[in-house]
């Protein structure tokens, strides 16, 4: 797929709707640019679901304490 975009005077670029759909991009999503000798590649940055670690945590006898949940969330945020 080859599409064109336009760079504004502020350095912003409009990604065509067909490319956004193809890449699954929505407003607020982050992308990375990898520049090489042949040009640049645009890739979406996929962030792991922060709630995935809690899936099934309430099915056991001892759910995590609020302190454990806060500590896990702080670790997750430090990796972003």
PDB file of N, CA and C in Angstrom:
ATOM      1  N   UNK A   1       0.850  -1.177   0.000  1.00  0.00           N
ATOM      2  CA  UNK A   1       0.000   0.000   0.000  1.00  0.00           C
ATOM      3  C   UNK A   1       0.891   1.234   0.000  1.00  0.00           C
ATOM      4  N   UNK A   2       0.658   2.128  -0.910  1.00  0.00           N
ATOM      5  CA  UNK A   2       1.383   3.385  -0.976  1.00  0.00           C
ATOM      6  C   UNK A   2       0.380   4.520  -0.862  1.00  0.00           C
ATOM      7  N   UNK A   3       0.589   5.395   0.090  1.00  0.00           N
ATOM      8  CA  UNK A   3      -0.279   6.551   0.308  1.00  0.00           C
ATOM      9  C   UNK A   3       0.602   7.759   0.577  1.00  0.00           C
ATOM     10  N   UNK A   4       0.037   8.918   0.398  1.00  0.00           N
ATOM     11  CA  UNK A   4       0.764  10.163   0.677  1.00  0.00           C
ATOM     12  C   UNK A   4       0.160  10.863   1.875  1.00  0.00           C
ATOM     13  N   UNK A   5       1.004  11.592   2.590  1.00  0.00           N
ATOM     14  CA  UNK A   5       0.570  12.448   3.679  1.00  0.00           C
ATOM     15  C   UNK A   5       1.166  13.820   3.473  1.00  0.00           C
ATOM     16  N   UNK A   6       0.752  14.765   4.277  1.00  0.00           N
ATOM     17  CA  UNK A   6       1.241  16.129   4.159  1.00  0.00           C
ATOM     18  C   UNK A   6       1.870  16.555   5.481  1.00  0.00           C
ATOM     19  N   UNK A   7       3.063  17.147   5.405  1.00  0.00           N
ATOM     20  CA  UNK A   7       3.733  17.666   6.589  1.00  0.00           C
ATOM     21  C   UNK A   7       3.410  19.152   6.709  1.00  0.00           C
ATOM     22  N   UNK A   8       2.954  19.563   7.898  1.00  0.00           N
ATOM     23  CA  UNK A   8       2.618  20.970   8.120  1.00  0.00           C
ATOM     24  C   UNK A   8       3.868  21.764   8.492  1.00  0.00           C
ATOM     25  N   UNK A   9       3.720  23.061   8.607  1.00  0.00           N
ATOM     26  CA  UNK A   9       4.842  23.921   8.983  1.00  0.00           C
ATOM     27  C   UNK A   9       5.326  23.626  10.404  1.00  0.00           C
ATOM     28  N   UNK A  10       4.484  22.998  11.219  1.00  0.00           N
ATOM     29  CA  UNK A  10       4.860  22.625  12.588  1.00  0.00           C
ATOM     30  C   UNK A  10       5.474  21.225  12.648  1.00  0.00           C
ATOM     31  N   UNK A  11       5.643  20.564  11.493  1.00  0.00           N
ATOM     32  CA  UNK A  11       6.239  19.233  11.466  1.00  0.00           C
ATOM     33  C   UNK A  11       5.249  18.111  11.722  1.00  0.00           C
ATOM     34  N   UNK A  12       3.964  18.430  11.755  1.00  0.00           N
ATOM     35  CA  UNK A  12       2.943  17.404  11.956  1.00  0.00           C
ATOM     36  C   UNK A  12       2.587  16.780  10.616  1.00  0.00           C
ATOM     37  N   UNK A  13       2.177  15.518  10.669  1.00  0.00           N
ATOM     38  CA  UNK A  13       1.829  14.833   9.433  1.00  0.00           C
ATOM     39  C   UNK A  13       0.425  14.257   9.554  1.00  0.00           C
ATOM     40  N   UNK A  14      -0.294  14.296   8.462  1.00  0.00           N
ATOM     41  CA  UNK A  14      -1.613  13.687   8.392  1.00  0.00           C
ATOM     42  C   UNK A  14      -1.443  12.288   7.820  1.00  0.00           C
ATOM     43  N   UNK A  15      -1.856  11.283   8.594  1.00  0.00           N
ATOM     44  CA  UNK A  15      -1.795   9.902   8.120  1.00  0.00           C
ATOM     45  C   UNK A  15      -3.127   9.604   7.458  1.00  0.00           C
ATOM     46  N   UNK A  16      -3.126   9.194   6.193  1.00  0.00           N
ATOM     47  CA  UNK A  16      -4.388   8.938   5.493  1.00  0.00           C
ATOM     48  C   UNK A  16      -5.252   7.919   6.236  1.00  0.00           C
ATOM     49  N   UNK A  17      -6.568   8.094   6.135  1.00  0.00           N
ATOM     50  CA  UNK A  17      -7.516   7.233   6.840  1.00  0.00           C
ATOM     51  C   UNK A  17      -7.313   5.760   6.500  1.00  0.00           C
ATOM     52  N   UNK A  18      -7.025   5.457   5.242  1.00  0.00           N
ATOM     53  CA  UNK A  18      -6.838   4.055   4.850  1.00  0.00           C
ATOM     54  C   UNK A  18      -5.631   3.444   5.554  1.00  0.00           C
ATOM     55  N   UNK A  19      -4.580   4.230   5.775  1.00  0.00           N
ATOM     56  CA  UNK A  19      -3.396   3.744   6.477  1.00  0.00           C
ATOM     57  C   UNK A  19      -3.710   3.575   7.962  1.00  0.00           C
ATOM     58  N   UNK A  20      -4.441   4.538   8.543  1.00  0.00           N
ATOM     59  CA  UNK A  20      -4.834   4.417   9.955  1.00  0.00           C
ATOM     60  C   UNK A  20      -5.654   3.155  10.179  1.00  0.00           C
ATOM     61  N   UNK A  21      -6.595   2.892   9.280  1.00  0.00           N
ATOM     62  CA  UNK A  21      -7.408   1.676   9.404  1.00  0.00           C
ATOM     63  C   UNK A  21      -6.543   0.431   9.277  1.00  0.00           C
ATOM     64  N   UNK A  22      -5.647   0.413   8.305  1.00  0.00           N
ATOM     65  CA  UNK A  22      -4.773  -0.738   8.074  1.00  0.00           C
ATOM     66  C   UNK A  22      -3.901  -1.028   9.296  1.00  0.00           C
ATOM     67  N   UNK A  23      -3.401   0.021   9.951  1.00  0.00           N
ATOM     68  CA  UNK A  23      -2.535  -0.136  11.114  1.00  0.00           C
ATOM     69  C   UNK A  23      -3.312  -0.198  12.427  1.00  0.00           C
ATOM     70  N   UNK A  24      -4.615   0.024  12.367  1.00  0.00           N
ATOM     71  CA  UNK A  24      -5.421   0.009  13.590  1.00  0.00           C
ATOM     72  C   UNK A  24      -5.136   1.187  14.494  1.00  0.00           C
ATOM     73  N   UNK A  25      -4.816   2.343  13.904  1.00  0.00           N
ATOM     74  CA  UNK A  25      -4.491   3.539  14.681  1.00  0.00           C
ATOM     75  C   UNK A  25      -5.738   4.347  15.001  1.00  0.00           C
ATOM     76  N   UNK A  26      -5.780   4.874  16.208  1.00  0.00           N
ATOM     77  CA  UNK A  26      -6.865   5.754  16.645  1.00  0.00           C
ATOM     78  C   UNK A  26      -6.243   7.028  17.203  1.00  0.00           C
ATOM     79  N   UNK A  27      -7.064   8.039  17.407  1.00  0.00           N
ATOM     80  CA  UNK A  27      -6.583   9.300  17.970  1.00  0.00           C
ATOM     81  C   UNK A  27      -5.892   9.027  19.301  1.00  0.00           C
ATOM     82  N   UNK A  28      -4.721   9.598  19.490  1.00  0.00           N
ATOM     83  CA  UNK A  28      -3.973   9.435  20.723  1.00  0.00           C
ATOM     84  C   UNK A  28      -2.986   8.279  20.705  1.00  0.00           C
ATOM     85  N   UNK A  29      -3.067   7.393  19.707  1.00  0.00           N
ATOM     86  CA  UNK A  29      -2.112   6.292  19.616  1.00  0.00           C
ATOM     87  C   UNK A  29      -0.725   6.838  19.320  1.00  0.00           C
ATOM     88  N   UNK A  30       0.279   6.106  19.758  1.00  0.00           N
ATOM     89  CA  UNK A  30       1.667   6.509  19.519  1.00  0.00           C
ATOM     90  C   UNK A  30       2.243   5.673  18.388  1.00  0.00           C
ATOM     91  N   UNK A  31       3.142   6.283  17.624  1.00  0.00           N
ATOM     92  CA  UNK A  31       3.823   5.590  16.532  1.00  0.00           C
ATOM     93  C   UNK A  31       5.322   5.850  16.658  1.00  0.00           C
ATOM     94  N   UNK A  32       6.104   4.970  16.050  1.00  0.00           N
ATOM     95  CA  UNK A  32       7.542   5.191  16.005  1.00  0.00           C
ATOM     96  C   UNK A  32       7.976   5.254  14.549  1.00  0.00           C
ATOM     97  N   UNK A  33       9.033   6.006  14.304  1.00  0.00           N
ATOM     98  CA  UNK A  33       9.612   6.126  12.979  1.00  0.00           C
ATOM     99  C   UNK A  33      10.997   5.513  13.032  1.00  0.00           C
ATOM    100  N   UNK A  34      11.273   4.601  12.131  1.00  0.00           N
ATOM    101  CA  UNK A  34      12.612   4.032  12.010  1.00  0.00           C
ATOM    102  C   UNK A  34      13.200   4.537  10.704  1.00  0.00           C
ATOM    103  N   UNK A  35      14.260   5.313  10.806  1.00  0.00           N
ATOM    104  CA  UNK A  35      14.876   5.911   9.624  1.00  0.00           C
ATOM    105  C   UNK A  35      16.099   5.110   9.206  1.00  0.00           C
ATOM    106  N   UNK A  36      16.208   4.864   7.923  1.00  0.00           N
ATOM    107  CA  UNK A  36      17.339   4.144   7.364  1.00  0.00           C
ATOM    108  C   UNK A  36      17.746   4.781   6.051  1.00  0.00           C
ATOM    109  N   UNK A  37      18.678   4.147   5.367  1.00  0.00           N
ATOM    110  CA  UNK A  37      19.158   4.699   4.105  1.00  0.00           C
ATOM    111  C   UNK A  37      18.093   4.690   3.012  1.00  0.00           C
ATOM    112  N   UNK A  38      17.164   3.754   3.075  1.00  0.00           N
ATOM    113  CA  UNK A  38      16.128   3.645   2.056  1.00  0.00           C
ATOM    114  C   UNK A  38      14.922   4.540   2.340  1.00  0.00           C
ATOM    115  N   UNK A  39      14.855   5.134   3.530  1.00  0.00           N
ATOM    116  CA  UNK A  39      13.718   5.975   3.886  1.00  0.00           C
ATOM    117  C   UNK A  39      13.326   5.741   5.335  1.00  0.00           C
ATOM    118  N   UNK A  40      12.054   5.870   5.615  1.00  0.00           N
ATOM    119  CA  UNK A  40      11.566   5.718   6.987  1.00  0.00           C
ATOM    120  C   UNK A  40      10.409   4.731   7.021  1.00  0.00           C
ATOM    121  N   UNK A  41      10.273   4.074   8.168  1.00  0.00           N
ATOM    122  CA  UNK A  41       9.184   3.125   8.388  1.00  0.00           C
ATOM    123  C   UNK A  41       8.394   3.627   9.592  1.00  0.00           C
ATOM    124  N   UNK A  42       7.076   3.632   9.477  1.00  0.00           N
ATOM    125  CA  UNK A  42       6.186   4.046  10.553  1.00  0.00           C
ATOM    126  C   UNK A  42       5.567   2.789  11.149  1.00  0.00           C
ATOM    127  N   UNK A  43       5.646   2.661  12.479  1.00  0.00           N
ATOM    128  CA  UNK A  43       5.057   1.507  13.162  1.00  0.00           C
ATOM    129  C   UNK A  43       4.231   1.978  14.345  1.00  0.00           C
ATOM    130  N   UNK A  44       3.077   1.340  14.579  1.00  0.00           N
ATOM    131  CA  UNK A  44       2.335   1.645  15.803  1.00  0.00           C
ATOM    132  C   UNK A  44       3.095   1.101  17.008  1.00  0.00           C
ATOM    133  N   UNK A  45       3.024   1.808  18.112  1.00  0.00           N
ATOM    134  CA  UNK A  45       3.611   1.332  19.362  1.00  0.00           C
ATOM    135  C   UNK A  45       2.491   0.644  20.124  1.00  0.00           C
ATOM    136  N   UNK A  46       2.641  -0.649  20.322  1.00  0.00           N
ATOM    137  CA  UNK A  46       1.625  -1.431  21.023  1.00  0.00           C
ATOM    138  C   UNK A  46       2.023  -1.555  22.486  1.00  0.00           C
ATOM    139  N   UNK A  47       1.137  -1.127  23.355  1.00  0.00           N
ATOM    140  CA  UNK A  47       1.374  -1.191  24.795  1.00  0.00           C
ATOM    141  C   UNK A  47       0.557  -2.350  25.347  1.00  0.00           C
ATOM    142  N   UNK A  48       1.175  -3.137  26.202  1.00  0.00           N
ATOM    143  CA  UNK A  48       0.463  -4.252  26.814  1.00  0.00           C
ATOM    144  C   UNK A  48      -0.706  -3.735  27.647  1.00  0.00           C
ATOM    145  N   UNK A  49      -1.758  -4.493  27.681  1.00  0.00           N
ATOM    146  CA  UNK A  49      -2.938  -4.136  28.461  1.00  0.00           C
ATOM    147  C   UNK A  49      -2.563  -4.095  29.941  1.00  0.00           C
ATOM    148  N   UNK A  50      -2.669  -2.944  30.610  1.00  0.00           N
ATOM    149  CA  UNK A  50      -2.259  -2.851  32.015  1.00  0.00           C
ATOM    150  C   UNK A  50      -3.130  -3.695  32.941  1.00  0.00           C
ATOM    151  N   UNK A  51      -4.304  -4.098  32.489  1.00  0.00           N
ATOM    152  CA  UNK A  51      -5.193  -4.877  33.335  1.00  0.00           C
ATOM    153  C   UNK A  51      -5.022  -6.381  33.140  1.00  0.00           C
ATOM    154  N   UNK A  52      -4.229  -6.794  32.155  1.00  0.00           N
ATOM    155  CA  UNK A  52      -4.048  -8.219  31.877  1.00  0.00           C
ATOM    156  C   UNK A  52      -3.469  -8.962  33.081  1.00  0.00           C
ATOM    157  N   UNK A  53      -2.599  -8.304  33.845  1.00  0.00           N
ATOM    158  CA  UNK A  53      -1.988  -8.952  35.003  1.00  0.00           C
ATOM    159  C   UNK A  53      -3.011  -9.282  36.078  1.00  0.00           C
ATOM    160  N   UNK A  54      -4.161  -8.616  36.052  1.00  0.00           N
ATOM    161  CA  UNK A  54      -5.182  -8.839  37.075  1.00  0.00           C
ATOM    162  C   UNK A  54      -6.246  -9.848  36.651  1.00  0.00           C
ATOM    163  N   UNK A  55      -6.163 -10.355  35.421  1.00  0.00           N
ATOM    164  CA  UNK A  55      -7.164 -11.303  34.937  1.00  0.00           C
ATOM    165  C   UNK A  55      -7.192 -12.525  35.836  1.00  0.00           C
ATOM    166  N   UNK A  56      -8.354 -12.833  36.361  1.00  0.00           N
ATOM    167  CA  UNK A  56      -8.529 -14.004  37.199  1.00  0.00           C
ATOM    168  C   UNK A  56      -8.070 -13.838  38.631  1.00  0.00           C
ATOM    169  N   UNK A  57      -7.629 -12.645  39.022  1.00  0.00           N
ATOM    170  CA  UNK A  57      -7.079 -12.469  40.372  1.00  0.00           C
ATOM    171  C   UNK A  57      -8.139 -12.615  41.460  1.00  0.00           C
ATOM    172  N   UNK A  58      -9.399 -12.443  41.126  1.00  0.00           N
ATOM    173  CA  UNK A  58     -10.448 -12.563  42.141  1.00  0.00           C
ATOM    174  C   UNK A  58     -11.042 -13.959  42.218  1.00  0.00           C
ATOM    175  N   UNK A  59     -10.565 -14.878  41.390  1.00  0.00           N
ATOM    176  CA  UNK A  59     -11.120 -16.221  41.397  1.00  0.00           C
ATOM    177  C   UNK A  59     -10.504 -17.095  42.489  1.00  0.00           C
ATOM    178  N   UNK A  60      -9.372 -16.695  43.034  1.00  0.00           N
ATOM    179  CA  UNK A  60      -8.714 -17.476  44.083  1.00  0.00           C
ATOM    180  C   UNK A  60      -9.245 -17.114  45.452  1.00  0.00           C
ATOM    181  N   UNK A  61      -8.690 -17.757  46.462  1.00  0.00           N
ATOM    182  CA  UNK A  61      -9.131 -17.504  47.837  1.00  0.00           C
ATOM    183  C   UNK A  61      -8.610 -16.174  48.373  1.00  0.00           C
ATOM    184  N   UNK A  62      -7.407 -15.786  47.956  1.00  0.00           N
ATOM    185  CA  UNK A  62      -6.784 -14.581  48.493  1.00  0.00           C
ATOM    186  C   UNK A  62      -6.538 -13.571  47.384  1.00  0.00           C
ATOM    187  N   UNK A  63      -7.471 -12.669  47.145  1.00  0.00           N
ATOM    188  CA  UNK A  63      -7.226 -11.649  46.122  1.00  0.00           C
ATOM    189  C   UNK A  63      -6.079 -10.747  46.574  1.00  0.00           C
ATOM    190  N   UNK A  64      -5.411 -10.097  45.621  1.00  0.00           N
ATOM    191  CA  UNK A  64      -4.286  -9.223  45.997  1.00  0.00           C
ATOM    192  C   UNK A  64      -4.771  -8.042  46.832  1.00  0.00           C
ATOM    193  N   UNK A  65      -3.898  -7.584  47.704  1.00  0.00           N
ATOM    194  CA  UNK A  65      -4.224  -6.420  48.520  1.00  0.00           C
ATOM    195  C   UNK A  65      -4.110  -5.174  47.661  1.00  0.00           C
ATOM    196  N   UNK A  66      -4.651  -4.085  48.121  1.00  0.00           N
ATOM    197  CA  UNK A  66      -4.565  -2.824  47.394  1.00  0.00           C
ATOM    198  C   UNK A  66      -3.103  -2.410  47.248  1.00  0.00           C
ATOM    199  N   UNK A  67      -2.279  -2.708  48.246  1.00  0.00           N
ATOM    200  CA  UNK A  67      -0.862  -2.375  48.178  1.00  0.00           C
ATOM    201  C   UNK A  67      -0.175  -3.149  47.049  1.00  0.00           C
ATOM    202  N   UNK A  68      -0.533  -4.439  46.886  1.00  0.00           N
ATOM    203  CA  UNK A  68       0.043  -5.243  45.819  1.00  0.00           C
ATOM    204  C   UNK A  68      -0.385  -4.715  44.449  1.00  0.00           C
ATOM    205  N   UNK A  69      -1.647  -4.334  44.336  1.00  0.00           N
ATOM    206  CA  UNK A  69      -2.153  -3.802  43.071  1.00  0.00           C
ATOM    207  C   UNK A  69      -1.455  -2.495  42.727  1.00  0.00           C
ATOM    208  N   UNK A  70      -1.304  -1.606  43.703  1.00  0.00           N
ATOM    209  CA  UNK A  70      -0.638  -0.319  43.475  1.00  0.00           C
ATOM    210  C   UNK A  70       0.820  -0.546  43.090  1.00  0.00           C
ATOM    211  N   UNK A  71       1.510  -1.457  43.770  1.00  0.00           N
ATOM    212  CA  UNK A  71       2.911  -1.741  43.454  1.00  0.00           C
ATOM    213  C   UNK A  71       3.050  -2.286  42.034  1.00  0.00           C
ATOM    214  N   UNK A  72       2.160  -3.190  41.632  1.00  0.00           N
ATOM    215  CA  UNK A  72       2.214  -3.746  40.283  1.00  0.00           C
ATOM    216  C   UNK A  72       1.948  -2.667  39.240  1.00  0.00           C
ATOM    217  N   UNK A  73       0.996  -1.809  39.498  1.00  0.00           N
ATOM    218  CA  UNK A  73       0.693  -0.733  38.547  1.00  0.00           C
ATOM    219  C   UNK A  73       1.864   0.238  38.439  1.00  0.00           C
ATOM    220  N   UNK A  74       2.534   0.530  39.541  1.00  0.00           N
ATOM    221  CA  UNK A  74       3.711   1.414  39.492  1.00  0.00           C
ATOM    222  C   UNK A  74       4.822   0.786  38.671  1.00  0.00           C
ATOM    223  N   UNK A  75       5.034  -0.531  38.809  1.00  0.00           N
ATOM    224  CA  UNK A  75       6.039  -1.216  37.992  1.00  0.00           C
ATOM    225  C   UNK A  75       5.667  -1.146  36.524  1.00  0.00           C
ATOM    226  N   UNK A  76       4.380  -1.376  36.209  1.00  0.00           N
ATOM    227  CA  UNK A  76       3.922  -1.309  34.820  1.00  0.00           C
ATOM    228  C   UNK A  76       4.158   0.073  34.231  1.00  0.00           C
ATOM    229  N   UNK A  77       3.861   1.108  34.975  1.00  0.00           N
ATOM    230  CA  UNK A  77       4.023   2.476  34.473  1.00  0.00           C
ATOM    231  C   UNK A  77       5.482   2.853  34.297  1.00  0.00           C
ATOM    232  N   UNK A  78       6.364   2.293  35.097  1.00  0.00           N
ATOM    233  CA  UNK A  78       7.781   2.640  34.965  1.00  0.00           C
ATOM    234  C   UNK A  78       8.389   2.046  33.705  1.00  0.00           C
ATOM    235  N   UNK A  79       7.722   1.058  33.077  1.00  0.00           N
ATOM    236  CA  UNK A  79       8.226   0.444  31.858  1.00  0.00           C
ATOM    237  C   UNK A  79       7.725   1.130  30.602  1.00  0.00           C
ATOM    238  N   UNK A  80       6.881   2.133  30.721  1.00  0.00           N
ATOM    239  CA  UNK A  80       6.331   2.822  29.531  1.00  0.00           C
ATOM    240  C   UNK A  80       7.294   3.833  29.009  1.00  0.00           C
TER     241      UNK A  80
END
